[in-house]
Amino acid sequence: MRTLMIVCAMVLVAVLTACSGGADKPNAAPKAEASAEALPAAIFVDQKPAGELPLAEAKKNAKVGETIVLRGLVRGVTTAFIPNRAIVQLADESVPKCAMNPERPWDLHCESPESMAKNTATVEIDGPDGKVIKHGLQGVHGLEHMVQVVVKGMVTSSDEKGNLLITAAEIFVEKKG
């Protein structure tokens, strides 16, 4: 039920933002969000977790309860982040940029439902209580749109519609150079 609520919240944010006409553009370098709920100190790591696979390939064999290590780009429909929640959407590196919005190369709204099902995943960071931490991720440890990340975590949910939810144990953020 919790997974369904998270997926519904992401879809709602995406739809509401997309329907706003896209006039608002996220800041190029937003400040990390302040929050009363802290992120686990060890969640962001300095070395890539071993055994990474491209997101689309890793997703093919993802099974609930198993650990997965995948590589993807921070991308979403209009945005990849949920305000005040430790949730981020990733897409496989093979997904092309949407020509309709060149100013938002991370925007996935040009993708078909079939492509989204094969090429995207949602990553969350949970607190000790097992609930998503109430702290936005944009700007934290360099986490921004179009940044490559490697995530190691447990598959929390996977369904026939292609939704994949991973509870992160480690996140490696590629540094833009």
N, C-alpha and C. Protein backbone atom coordinates (compact mmCIF):
# COMPACT_ATOMS: atom_id res chain seq x y z
N MET A 1 0.83 -1.19 0.00
CA MET A 1 0.00 0.00 0.00
C MET A 1 0.88 1.26 0.00
N ARG A 2 1.95 1.22 0.81
CA ARG A 2 2.84 2.37 0.88
C ARG A 2 3.48 2.63 -0.47
N THR A 3 3.87 1.57 -1.16
CA THR A 3 4.48 1.71 -2.47
C THR A 3 3.51 2.34 -3.45
N LEU A 4 2.27 1.89 -3.42
CA LEU A 4 1.26 2.45 -4.30
C LEU A 4 1.08 3.94 -4.03
N MET A 5 1.09 4.33 -2.76
CA MET A 5 0.94 5.74 -2.40
C MET A 5 2.12 6.57 -2.93
N ILE A 6 3.33 6.02 -2.83
CA ILE A 6 4.52 6.74 -3.31
C ILE A 6 4.46 6.90 -4.82
N VAL A 7 4.14 5.81 -5.52
CA VAL A 7 4.06 5.87 -6.98
C VAL A 7 2.96 6.86 -7.40
N CYS A 8 1.82 6.82 -6.72
CA CYS A 8 0.74 7.76 -7.03
C CYS A 8 1.16 9.20 -6.78
N ALA A 9 1.90 9.42 -5.69
CA ALA A 9 2.38 10.78 -5.39
C ALA A 9 3.32 11.27 -6.47
N MET A 10 4.21 10.40 -6.96
CA MET A 10 5.15 10.80 -8.02
C MET A 10 4.39 11.13 -9.30
N VAL A 11 3.40 10.30 -9.64
CA VAL A 11 2.61 10.55 -10.84
C VAL A 11 1.85 11.86 -10.70
N LEU A 12 1.26 12.10 -9.53
CA LEU A 12 0.51 13.33 -9.30
C LEU A 12 1.40 14.56 -9.43
N VAL A 13 2.58 14.52 -8.82
CA VAL A 13 3.51 15.64 -8.94
C VAL A 13 3.88 15.86 -10.39
N ALA A 14 4.16 14.78 -11.11
CA ALA A 14 4.55 14.89 -12.53
C ALA A 14 3.42 15.49 -13.35
N VAL A 15 2.20 15.01 -13.14
CA VAL A 15 1.06 15.51 -13.91
C VAL A 15 0.79 16.97 -13.60
N LEU A 16 0.78 17.32 -12.32
CA LEU A 16 0.51 18.70 -11.94
C LEU A 16 1.57 19.65 -12.47
N THR A 17 2.82 19.23 -12.41
CA THR A 17 3.91 20.06 -12.91
C THR A 17 3.83 20.18 -14.42
N ALA A 18 3.56 19.07 -15.11
CA ALA A 18 3.47 19.10 -16.57
C ALA A 18 2.31 19.97 -17.03
N CYS A 19 1.22 19.94 -16.29
CA CYS A 19 0.04 20.72 -16.66
C CYS A 19 0.22 22.20 -16.38
N SER A 20 1.25 22.56 -15.63
CA SER A 20 1.47 23.97 -15.33
C SER A 20 2.06 24.72 -16.51
N GLY A 21 2.36 24.01 -17.59
CA GLY A 21 2.88 24.64 -18.79
C GLY A 21 4.38 24.66 -18.84
N GLY A 22 5.03 24.18 -17.79
CA GLY A 22 6.48 24.09 -17.80
C GLY A 22 7.18 25.43 -17.74
N ALA A 23 6.47 26.48 -17.33
CA ALA A 23 7.07 27.80 -17.29
C ALA A 23 8.14 27.90 -16.22
N ASP A 24 7.94 27.21 -15.13
CA ASP A 24 8.93 27.27 -14.06
C ASP A 24 10.02 26.27 -14.33
N LYS A 25 11.24 26.74 -14.26
CA LYS A 25 12.38 25.89 -14.51
C LYS A 25 13.16 25.75 -13.21
N PRO A 26 13.51 24.53 -12.78
CA PRO A 26 14.27 24.38 -11.55
C PRO A 26 15.58 25.15 -11.65
N ASN A 27 16.03 25.67 -10.52
CA ASN A 27 17.30 26.38 -10.48
C ASN A 27 18.42 25.47 -10.94
N ALA A 28 19.40 26.04 -11.59
CA ALA A 28 20.53 25.24 -12.08
C ALA A 28 21.30 24.62 -10.93
N ALA A 29 21.42 25.33 -9.82
CA ALA A 29 22.16 24.82 -8.68
C ALA A 29 21.42 25.13 -7.39
N PRO A 30 20.29 24.44 -7.14
CA PRO A 30 19.54 24.72 -5.93
C PRO A 30 20.33 24.31 -4.70
N LYS A 31 20.01 24.97 -3.61
CA LYS A 31 20.66 24.63 -2.35
C LYS A 31 20.01 23.37 -1.80
N ALA A 32 20.80 22.59 -1.10
CA ALA A 32 20.26 21.40 -0.47
C ALA A 32 19.18 21.81 0.52
N GLU A 33 18.13 21.05 0.54
CA GLU A 33 16.99 21.34 1.39
C GLU A 33 17.30 21.17 2.86
N ALA A 34 16.86 22.11 3.67
CA ALA A 34 17.00 21.97 5.10
C ALA A 34 15.80 21.17 5.61
N SER A 35 16.02 20.34 6.58
CA SER A 35 14.94 19.52 7.10
C SER A 35 15.25 19.09 8.51
N ALA A 36 14.20 18.85 9.26
CA ALA A 36 14.38 18.35 10.62
C ALA A 36 14.80 16.88 10.60
N GLU A 37 14.48 16.17 9.53
CA GLU A 37 14.80 14.75 9.44
C GLU A 37 16.08 14.57 8.63
N ALA A 38 17.12 14.06 9.25
CA ALA A 38 18.41 13.92 8.60
C ALA A 38 18.50 12.65 7.77
N LEU A 39 19.30 12.74 6.72
CA LEU A 39 19.60 11.57 5.90
C LEU A 39 20.67 10.74 6.60
N PRO A 40 20.66 9.42 6.43
CA PRO A 40 21.71 8.59 7.04
C PRO A 40 23.09 9.02 6.53
N ALA A 41 24.04 9.14 7.42
CA ALA A 41 25.37 9.62 7.07
C ALA A 41 26.06 8.74 6.03
N ALA A 42 25.83 7.45 6.07
CA ALA A 42 26.55 6.51 5.20
C ALA A 42 25.85 6.25 3.87
N ILE A 43 24.76 6.92 3.57
CA ILE A 43 24.00 6.62 2.35
C ILE A 43 24.75 7.03 1.09
N PHE A 44 25.44 8.17 1.13
CA PHE A 44 26.21 8.63 -0.03
C PHE A 44 27.64 8.14 0.14
N VAL A 45 28.12 7.38 -0.86
CA VAL A 45 29.44 6.75 -0.77
C VAL A 45 30.40 7.34 -1.79
N ASP A 46 31.69 7.19 -1.54
CA ASP A 46 32.73 7.75 -2.41
C ASP A 46 33.21 6.78 -3.48
N GLN A 47 32.85 5.52 -3.36
CA GLN A 47 33.24 4.52 -4.36
C GLN A 47 31.98 3.83 -4.88
N LYS A 48 32.00 3.54 -6.18
CA LYS A 48 30.85 2.86 -6.79
C LYS A 48 30.65 1.49 -6.15
N PRO A 49 29.42 1.15 -5.83
CA PRO A 49 29.15 -0.21 -5.39
C PRO A 49 29.49 -1.19 -6.52
N ALA A 50 30.04 -2.33 -6.17
CA ALA A 50 30.46 -3.32 -7.17
C ALA A 50 29.25 -3.98 -7.83
N GLY A 51 29.44 -4.39 -9.06
CA GLY A 51 28.45 -5.18 -9.77
C GLY A 51 27.35 -4.38 -10.44
N GLU A 52 27.60 -3.13 -10.74
CA GLU A 52 26.57 -2.28 -11.34
C GLU A 52 26.18 -2.76 -12.73
N LEU A 53 24.91 -2.59 -13.03
CA LEU A 53 24.37 -2.86 -14.36
C LEU A 53 23.58 -1.64 -14.82
N PRO A 54 23.49 -1.42 -16.13
CA PRO A 54 22.60 -0.35 -16.60
C PRO A 54 21.19 -0.60 -16.08
N LEU A 55 20.48 0.46 -15.77
CA LEU A 55 19.16 0.35 -15.17
C LEU A 55 18.25 -0.62 -15.92
N ALA A 56 18.13 -0.46 -17.22
CA ALA A 56 17.21 -1.32 -18.00
C ALA A 56 17.58 -2.80 -17.88
N GLU A 57 18.87 -3.10 -17.86
CA GLU A 57 19.30 -4.49 -17.75
C GLU A 57 19.05 -5.02 -16.34
N ALA A 58 19.38 -4.21 -15.33
CA ALA A 58 19.17 -4.63 -13.94
C ALA A 58 17.69 -4.85 -13.65
N LYS A 59 16.86 -4.04 -14.27
CA LYS A 59 15.42 -4.11 -14.02
C LYS A 59 14.80 -5.42 -14.51
N LYS A 60 15.37 -6.00 -15.56
CA LYS A 60 14.81 -7.23 -16.14
C LYS A 60 14.73 -8.37 -15.13
N ASN A 61 15.71 -8.44 -14.22
CA ASN A 61 15.76 -9.56 -13.27
C ASN A 61 15.50 -9.12 -11.83
N ALA A 62 15.01 -7.91 -11.63
CA ALA A 62 14.77 -7.40 -10.28
C ALA A 62 13.65 -8.19 -9.61
N LYS A 63 13.93 -8.64 -8.39
CA LYS A 63 12.93 -9.39 -7.62
C LYS A 63 12.80 -8.76 -6.23
N VAL A 64 11.57 -8.61 -5.79
CA VAL A 64 11.30 -8.02 -4.49
C VAL A 64 12.07 -8.77 -3.41
N GLY A 65 12.73 -8.00 -2.55
CA GLY A 65 13.49 -8.57 -1.45
C GLY A 65 14.95 -8.79 -1.75
N GLU A 66 15.34 -8.69 -3.02
CA GLU A 66 16.74 -8.90 -3.39
C GLU A 66 17.48 -7.58 -3.50
N THR A 67 18.79 -7.66 -3.34
CA THR A 67 19.65 -6.49 -3.50
C THR A 67 19.96 -6.32 -4.98
N ILE A 68 19.97 -5.07 -5.41
CA ILE A 68 20.22 -4.74 -6.80
C ILE A 68 21.24 -3.59 -6.84
N VAL A 69 22.09 -3.58 -7.87
CA VAL A 69 23.03 -2.47 -8.07
C VAL A 69 22.83 -2.01 -9.51
N LEU A 70 22.39 -0.77 -9.66
CA LEU A 70 22.12 -0.26 -11.00
C LEU A 70 22.71 1.13 -11.21
N ARG A 71 22.89 1.44 -12.50
CA ARG A 71 23.42 2.74 -12.91
C ARG A 71 22.36 3.43 -13.77
N GLY A 72 22.14 4.71 -13.49
CA GLY A 72 21.18 5.46 -14.28
C GLY A 72 21.40 6.95 -14.16
N LEU A 73 20.59 7.69 -14.89
CA LEU A 73 20.65 9.16 -14.86
C LEU A 73 19.45 9.68 -14.08
N VAL A 74 19.67 10.76 -13.35
CA VAL A 74 18.59 11.40 -12.61
C VAL A 74 17.70 12.12 -13.63
N ARG A 75 16.52 11.55 -13.88
CA ARG A 75 15.58 12.09 -14.86
C ARG A 75 14.17 11.79 -14.40
N GLY A 76 13.24 12.60 -14.82
CA GLY A 76 11.84 12.38 -14.49
C GLY A 76 10.95 13.16 -15.42
N VAL A 77 9.66 13.03 -15.24
CA VAL A 77 8.70 13.79 -16.03
C VAL A 77 8.62 15.17 -15.38
N THR A 78 9.16 16.16 -16.03
CA THR A 78 9.31 17.54 -15.58
C THR A 78 10.38 17.64 -14.49
N THR A 79 10.35 16.82 -13.47
CA THR A 79 11.39 16.79 -12.46
C THR A 79 11.58 15.35 -11.98
N ALA A 80 12.75 15.08 -11.42
CA ALA A 80 13.04 13.75 -10.91
C ALA A 80 12.92 13.70 -9.39
N PHE A 81 12.63 14.83 -8.77
CA PHE A 81 12.63 14.94 -7.32
C PHE A 81 11.23 15.21 -6.76
N ILE A 82 11.00 14.74 -5.55
CA ILE A 82 9.76 15.05 -4.84
C ILE A 82 10.14 15.97 -3.68
N PRO A 83 9.56 17.16 -3.63
CA PRO A 83 9.90 18.08 -2.54
C PRO A 83 9.65 17.45 -1.16
N ASN A 84 10.60 17.66 -0.28
CA ASN A 84 10.50 17.21 1.12
C ASN A 84 10.38 15.70 1.28
N ARG A 85 10.83 14.94 0.31
CA ARG A 85 10.86 13.48 0.41
C ARG A 85 12.17 12.98 -0.20
N ALA A 86 12.76 11.99 0.44
CA ALA A 86 14.02 11.41 -0.04
C ALA A 86 13.70 10.39 -1.14
N ILE A 87 13.23 10.92 -2.27
CA ILE A 87 12.82 10.11 -3.41
C ILE A 87 13.38 10.76 -4.68
N VAL A 88 13.91 9.93 -5.56
CA VAL A 88 14.42 10.41 -6.85
C VAL A 88 14.10 9.38 -7.92
N GLN A 89 13.82 9.86 -9.11
CA GLN A 89 13.55 8.96 -10.23
C GLN A 89 14.79 8.88 -11.10
N LEU A 90 15.07 7.68 -11.60
CA LEU A 90 16.20 7.44 -12.50
C LEU A 90 15.70 6.87 -13.81
N ALA A 91 16.50 7.09 -14.85
CA ALA A 91 16.22 6.51 -16.16
C ALA A 91 17.50 5.89 -16.71
N ASP A 92 17.31 4.91 -17.56
CA ASP A 92 18.45 4.27 -18.22
C ASP A 92 19.14 5.31 -19.11
N GLU A 93 20.44 5.17 -19.24
CA GLU A 93 21.23 6.12 -20.04
C GLU A 93 20.88 6.08 -21.52
N SER A 94 20.24 5.03 -21.98
CA SER A 94 19.90 4.90 -23.40
C SER A 94 18.68 5.74 -23.80
N VAL A 95 17.94 6.23 -22.84
CA VAL A 95 16.72 7.00 -23.15
C VAL A 95 17.14 8.36 -23.73
N PRO A 96 16.66 8.68 -24.94
CA PRO A 96 17.05 9.94 -25.57
C PRO A 96 16.42 11.15 -24.89
N LYS A 97 17.05 12.29 -25.08
CA LYS A 97 16.50 13.54 -24.56
C LYS A 97 15.28 13.91 -25.39
N CYS A 98 14.34 14.58 -24.76
CA CYS A 98 13.10 14.98 -25.42
C CYS A 98 13.35 16.28 -26.19
N ALA A 99 13.18 16.23 -27.50
CA ALA A 99 13.44 17.39 -28.35
C ALA A 99 12.46 18.53 -28.11
N MET A 100 11.30 18.23 -27.54
CA MET A 100 10.29 19.26 -27.30
C MET A 100 10.68 20.24 -26.20
N ASN A 101 11.56 19.81 -25.30
CA ASN A 101 11.99 20.65 -24.18
C ASN A 101 13.51 20.66 -24.06
N PRO A 102 14.21 21.29 -24.99
CA PRO A 102 15.67 21.24 -24.93
C PRO A 102 16.25 21.90 -23.67
N GLU A 103 15.48 22.79 -23.06
CA GLU A 103 15.96 23.44 -21.83
C GLU A 103 15.83 22.52 -20.61
N ARG A 104 15.12 21.39 -20.78
CA ARG A 104 14.96 20.41 -19.70
C ARG A 104 15.36 19.03 -20.22
N PRO A 105 16.65 18.77 -20.40
CA PRO A 105 17.07 17.51 -20.99
C PRO A 105 16.70 16.29 -20.15
N TRP A 106 16.37 16.48 -18.90
CA TRP A 106 15.98 15.37 -18.02
C TRP A 106 14.52 14.97 -18.19
N ASP A 107 13.73 15.78 -18.87
CA ASP A 107 12.29 15.58 -18.96
C ASP A 107 11.97 14.34 -19.78
N LEU A 108 11.21 13.43 -19.19
CA LEU A 108 10.87 12.17 -19.83
C LEU A 108 9.47 12.14 -20.42
N HIS A 109 8.79 13.28 -20.50
CA HIS A 109 7.39 13.23 -20.93
C HIS A 109 7.22 12.80 -22.39
N CYS A 110 8.29 12.80 -23.18
CA CYS A 110 8.20 12.33 -24.57
C CYS A 110 8.23 10.80 -24.65
N GLU A 111 8.57 10.13 -23.57
CA GLU A 111 8.69 8.67 -23.59
C GLU A 111 7.32 7.99 -23.56
N SER A 112 7.24 6.88 -24.25
CA SER A 112 6.01 6.09 -24.25
C SER A 112 5.87 5.35 -22.92
N PRO A 113 4.67 4.93 -22.57
CA PRO A 113 4.50 4.13 -21.35
C PRO A 113 5.36 2.86 -21.37
N GLU A 114 5.53 2.27 -22.54
CA GLU A 114 6.34 1.06 -22.66
C GLU A 114 7.81 1.35 -22.34
N SER A 115 8.32 2.47 -22.85
CA SER A 115 9.70 2.87 -22.58
C SER A 115 9.89 3.18 -21.10
N MET A 116 8.93 3.89 -20.53
CA MET A 116 9.02 4.22 -19.10
C MET A 116 9.04 2.93 -18.27
N ALA A 117 8.23 1.96 -18.64
CA ALA A 117 8.16 0.70 -17.90
C ALA A 117 9.48 -0.05 -17.95
N LYS A 118 10.18 0.01 -19.07
CA LYS A 118 11.45 -0.71 -19.22
C LYS A 118 12.65 0.06 -18.70
N ASN A 119 12.58 1.39 -18.69
CA ASN A 119 13.78 2.20 -18.51
C ASN A 119 13.81 3.13 -17.30
N THR A 120 12.86 3.02 -16.37
CA THR A 120 12.87 3.92 -15.21
C THR A 120 12.74 3.15 -13.91
N ALA A 121 13.18 3.79 -12.84
CA ALA A 121 13.05 3.23 -11.49
C ALA A 121 12.96 4.39 -10.51
N THR A 122 12.35 4.13 -9.38
CA THR A 122 12.26 5.11 -8.32
C THR A 122 13.11 4.63 -7.16
N VAL A 123 13.89 5.55 -6.59
CA VAL A 123 14.77 5.24 -5.47
C VAL A 123 14.32 6.08 -4.28
N GLU A 124 14.23 5.44 -3.13
CA GLU A 124 13.88 6.17 -1.91
C GLU A 124 14.89 5.85 -0.82
N ILE A 125 14.99 6.76 0.13
CA ILE A 125 15.82 6.56 1.31
C ILE A 125 14.87 6.53 2.51
N ASP A 126 14.89 5.41 3.23
CA ASP A 126 14.01 5.24 4.37
C ASP A 126 14.76 5.51 5.67
N GLY A 127 14.01 5.92 6.68
CA GLY A 127 14.55 6.10 8.01
C GLY A 127 14.49 4.80 8.79
N PRO A 128 14.91 4.83 10.04
CA PRO A 128 14.90 3.62 10.88
C PRO A 128 13.50 3.03 11.06
N ASP A 129 12.48 3.87 10.90
CA ASP A 129 11.10 3.41 11.05
C ASP A 129 10.56 2.75 9.78
N GLY A 130 11.38 2.71 8.71
CA GLY A 130 10.97 2.09 7.46
C GLY A 130 10.15 3.00 6.56
N LYS A 131 9.98 4.26 6.96
CA LYS A 131 9.23 5.22 6.16
C LYS A 131 10.19 6.14 5.42
N VAL A 132 9.74 6.66 4.29
CA VAL A 132 10.56 7.58 3.50
C VAL A 132 10.92 8.80 4.36
N ILE A 133 12.18 9.16 4.33
CA ILE A 133 12.65 10.32 5.08
C ILE A 133 12.06 11.59 4.47
N LYS A 134 11.65 12.50 5.32
CA LYS A 134 11.05 13.76 4.88
C LYS A 134 12.16 14.79 4.69
N HIS A 135 12.88 14.62 3.60
CA HIS A 135 14.01 15.49 3.26
C HIS A 135 14.22 15.38 1.76
N GLY A 136 14.10 16.48 1.04
CA GLY A 136 14.32 16.45 -0.40
C GLY A 136 15.76 16.10 -0.73
N LEU A 137 15.98 15.53 -1.91
CA LEU A 137 17.32 15.10 -2.32
C LEU A 137 17.99 16.03 -3.31
N GLN A 138 17.26 16.91 -3.97
CA GLN A 138 17.89 17.75 -4.98
C GLN A 138 18.95 18.64 -4.34
N GLY A 139 20.16 18.55 -4.87
CA GLY A 139 21.28 19.34 -4.38
C GLY A 139 22.12 18.65 -3.32
N VAL A 140 21.64 17.54 -2.78
CA VAL A 140 22.37 16.83 -1.73
C VAL A 140 23.48 15.99 -2.37
N HIS A 141 24.70 16.20 -1.93
CA HIS A 141 25.87 15.46 -2.44
C HIS A 141 25.99 15.53 -3.96
N GLY A 142 25.57 16.64 -4.55
CA GLY A 142 25.68 16.81 -5.99
C GLY A 142 24.58 16.14 -6.78
N LEU A 143 23.54 15.67 -6.13
CA LEU A 143 22.43 15.00 -6.80
C LEU A 143 21.58 16.03 -7.53
N GLU A 144 21.66 16.01 -8.85
CA GLU A 144 20.95 16.96 -9.72
C GLU A 144 20.43 16.22 -10.95
N HIS A 145 19.59 16.88 -11.70
CA HIS A 145 19.11 16.32 -12.97
C HIS A 145 20.29 16.01 -13.89
N MET A 146 20.19 14.92 -14.61
CA MET A 146 21.16 14.47 -15.61
C MET A 146 22.50 14.02 -15.02
N VAL A 147 22.58 13.85 -13.72
CA VAL A 147 23.79 13.32 -13.09
C VAL A 147 23.67 11.80 -13.07
N GLN A 148 24.77 11.13 -13.37
CA GLN A 148 24.79 9.68 -13.33
C GLN A 148 25.00 9.22 -11.89
N VAL A 149 24.23 8.21 -11.49
CA VAL A 149 24.38 7.64 -10.16
C VAL A 149 24.42 6.12 -10.25
N VAL A 150 25.03 5.52 -9.24
CA VAL A 150 24.99 4.08 -9.06
C VAL A 150 24.34 3.86 -7.70
N VAL A 151 23.28 3.06 -7.69
CA VAL A 151 22.52 2.81 -6.48
C VAL A 151 22.57 1.33 -6.14
N LYS A 152 22.85 1.08 -4.87
CA LYS A 152 22.75 -0.29 -4.34
C LYS A 152 21.63 -0.26 -3.32
N GLY A 153 20.69 -1.18 -3.46
CA GLY A 153 19.59 -1.20 -2.52
C GLY A 153 18.71 -2.42 -2.71
N MET A 154 17.69 -2.48 -1.88
CA MET A 154 16.75 -3.60 -1.93
C MET A 154 15.55 -3.25 -2.80
N VAL A 155 15.16 -4.20 -3.63
CA VAL A 155 13.96 -4.03 -4.43
C VAL A 155 12.78 -4.14 -3.46
N THR A 156 12.08 -3.04 -3.29
CA THR A 156 10.95 -2.98 -2.36
C THR A 156 9.66 -3.35 -3.06
N SER A 157 9.57 -2.97 -4.35
CA SER A 157 8.35 -3.22 -5.10
C SER A 157 8.67 -3.32 -6.58
N SER A 158 8.01 -4.23 -7.24
CA SER A 158 8.13 -4.39 -8.68
C SER A 158 6.81 -4.98 -9.15
N ASP A 159 6.25 -4.39 -10.22
CA ASP A 159 4.96 -4.91 -10.67
C ASP A 159 4.92 -5.10 -12.18
N GLU A 160 3.81 -5.65 -12.64
CA GLU A 160 3.65 -5.96 -14.07
C GLU A 160 3.55 -4.72 -14.94
N LYS A 161 3.31 -3.56 -14.35
CA LYS A 161 3.23 -2.31 -15.11
C LYS A 161 4.61 -1.68 -15.33
N GLY A 162 5.64 -2.28 -14.72
CA GLY A 162 6.99 -1.77 -14.89
C GLY A 162 7.46 -0.85 -13.79
N ASN A 163 6.66 -0.65 -12.75
CA ASN A 163 7.09 0.17 -11.63
C ASN A 163 8.13 -0.59 -10.82
N LEU A 164 9.23 0.07 -10.53
CA LEU A 164 10.29 -0.54 -9.73
C LEU A 164 10.68 0.46 -8.65
N LEU A 165 10.60 0.04 -7.39
CA LEU A 165 10.96 0.87 -6.26
C LEU A 165 12.12 0.22 -5.53
N ILE A 166 13.17 1.01 -5.30
CA ILE A 166 14.36 0.52 -4.62
C ILE A 166 14.57 1.34 -3.37
N THR A 167 14.78 0.67 -2.25
CA THR A 167 15.15 1.35 -1.02
C THR A 167 16.68 1.34 -0.97
N ALA A 168 17.27 2.53 -1.08
CA ALA A 168 18.71 2.66 -1.22
C ALA A 168 19.46 2.34 0.07
N ALA A 169 20.59 1.65 -0.09
CA ALA A 169 21.54 1.42 0.99
C ALA A 169 22.79 2.26 0.73
N GLU A 170 23.13 2.43 -0.56
CA GLU A 170 24.29 3.23 -0.97
C GLU A 170 23.95 3.97 -2.26
N ILE A 171 24.39 5.23 -2.33
CA ILE A 171 24.23 6.02 -3.56
C ILE A 171 25.59 6.65 -3.87
N PHE A 172 26.07 6.35 -5.07
CA PHE A 172 27.31 6.97 -5.56
C PHE A 172 26.91 7.97 -6.63
N VAL A 173 27.31 9.23 -6.44
CA VAL A 173 26.98 10.29 -7.39
C VAL A 173 28.23 10.62 -8.19
N GLU A 174 28.13 10.48 -9.53
CA GLU A 174 29.24 10.85 -10.40
C GLU A 174 29.48 12.36 -10.30
N LYS A 175 30.68 12.75 -10.16
CA LYS A 175 31.00 14.18 -10.09
C LYS A 175 31.14 14.71 -11.50
N LYS A 176 30.49 15.83 -11.75
CA LYS A 176 30.62 16.48 -13.07
C LYS A 176 32.00 17.10 -13.14
N GLY A 177 32.67 16.84 -14.22
CA GLY A 177 34.04 17.32 -14.32
C GLY A 177 34.22 18.15 -15.46
